[in-house]
Amino acid sequence: GFRYYMVAECEFNSSKLNDIEFTESYYYNKLEFIRFSSSVGKFVGYTEHGIKNAERWNNGPEVIARRGFKESYCLNNVGNDVESALTKS
């Protein structure tokens, strides 16, 4: 069978918004075909299918929604993760 999956990540050095990067990657059969990165601010395609989707998603509501994920998704969770790590170290 075929396998399709998505991975969303928040990479951070501190709980400050400027030190956080949100990435969302889409894979098909272990090959990443498209990625959104908050540092780039748009989707980037790596295959023919990914490039077509990146063009479409960058001109639609998908890119606007992802630009807000750094603050709405990462910032809240990073604060919890930093507090949890500091209290256990």
Protein backbone atom coordinates (compact mmCIF):
# COMPACT_ATOMS: atom_id res chain seq x y z
CA GLY A 1 0.00 0.00 0.00
CA PHE A 2 0.87 3.65 -0.11
CA ARG A 3 1.50 5.87 2.86
CA TYR A 4 0.57 9.55 3.17
CA TYR A 5 1.30 11.53 6.31
CA MET A 6 1.93 15.03 7.62
CA VAL A 7 4.35 16.21 10.32
CA ALA A 8 3.95 19.55 12.13
CA GLU A 9 6.87 20.77 14.24
CA CYS A 10 7.75 23.68 16.46
CA GLU A 11 11.50 24.22 16.81
CA PHE A 12 12.57 26.69 19.47
CA ASN A 13 15.47 28.02 21.52
CA SER A 14 13.31 29.93 23.99
CA SER A 15 9.67 30.79 24.54
CA LYS A 16 10.03 34.09 22.64
CA LEU A 17 8.10 34.24 19.37
CA ASN A 18 11.21 35.26 17.37
CA ASP A 19 13.03 32.09 18.53
CA ILE A 20 10.30 29.74 17.25
CA GLU A 21 9.95 28.17 13.80
CA PHE A 22 6.84 26.29 12.69
CA THR A 23 7.14 23.73 9.89
CA GLU A 24 4.51 21.48 8.34
CA SER A 25 5.72 18.78 5.94
CA TYR A 26 3.67 16.43 3.77
CA TYR A 27 5.00 13.01 2.72
CA TYR A 28 3.95 10.33 0.28
CA ASN A 29 5.80 6.99 0.39
CA LYS A 30 8.53 8.51 2.61
CA LEU A 31 9.19 11.32 0.11
CA GLU A 32 8.54 14.87 1.26
CA PHE A 33 6.62 16.60 -1.50
CA ILE A 34 5.64 19.94 0.08
CA ARG A 35 6.57 21.99 3.17
CA PHE A 36 5.43 25.16 4.89
CA SER A 37 8.05 26.97 6.98
CA SER A 38 7.29 30.04 9.06
CA SER A 39 10.78 31.39 8.31
CA VAL A 40 10.03 31.28 4.55
CA GLY A 41 6.37 32.27 5.02
CA LYS A 42 4.99 30.09 2.24
CA PHE A 43 4.68 26.54 0.92
CA VAL A 44 7.57 25.11 -1.11
CA GLY A 45 7.11 22.09 -3.36
CA TYR A 46 9.82 19.46 -3.90
CA THR A 47 8.13 17.28 -6.53
CA GLU A 48 5.99 18.05 -9.56
CA HIS A 49 2.84 17.40 -7.50
CA GLY A 50 4.22 19.43 -4.58
CA ILE A 51 5.08 22.42 -6.78
CA LYS A 52 1.55 22.49 -8.21
CA ASN A 53 0.02 22.33 -4.73
CA ALA A 54 2.41 24.98 -3.40
CA GLU A 55 1.32 27.40 -6.13
CA ARG A 56 -2.34 26.76 -5.35
CA TRP A 57 -1.96 26.86 -1.55
CA ASN A 58 0.19 30.01 -1.62
CA ASN A 59 -2.64 31.83 -3.43
CA GLY A 60 -5.38 30.59 -1.12
CA PRO A 61 -6.43 30.64 2.52
CA GLU A 62 -4.07 27.76 3.39
CA VAL A 63 -0.97 29.96 3.50
CA ILE A 64 -2.69 32.63 5.62
CA ALA A 65 -3.80 30.02 8.14
CA ARG A 66 -0.30 28.49 8.39
CA ARG A 67 1.30 31.89 8.98
CA GLY A 68 -0.76 32.16 12.16
CA PHE A 69 0.19 28.69 13.45
CA LYS A 70 3.54 29.89 14.80
CA GLU A 71 1.72 32.05 17.31
CA SER A 72 -1.52 30.13 17.85
CA TYR A 73 -0.08 26.60 17.94
CA CYS A 74 3.62 26.84 18.79
CA LEU A 75 3.77 29.77 21.20
CA ASN A 76 1.20 28.27 23.58
CA ASN A 77 2.74 24.79 23.53
CA VAL A 78 6.36 25.96 23.70
CA GLY A 79 5.61 27.90 26.86
CA ASN A 80 4.27 24.73 28.46
CA ASP A 81 7.22 22.65 27.24
CA VAL A 82 9.82 25.15 28.50
CA GLU A 83 8.17 25.33 31.94
CA SER A 84 7.97 21.54 32.13
CA ALA A 85 11.64 21.09 31.16
CA LEU A 86 12.87 23.76 33.57
CA THR A 87 11.02 22.34 36.55
CA LYS A 88 12.47 18.87 35.89
CA SER A 89 16.09 19.88 35.33
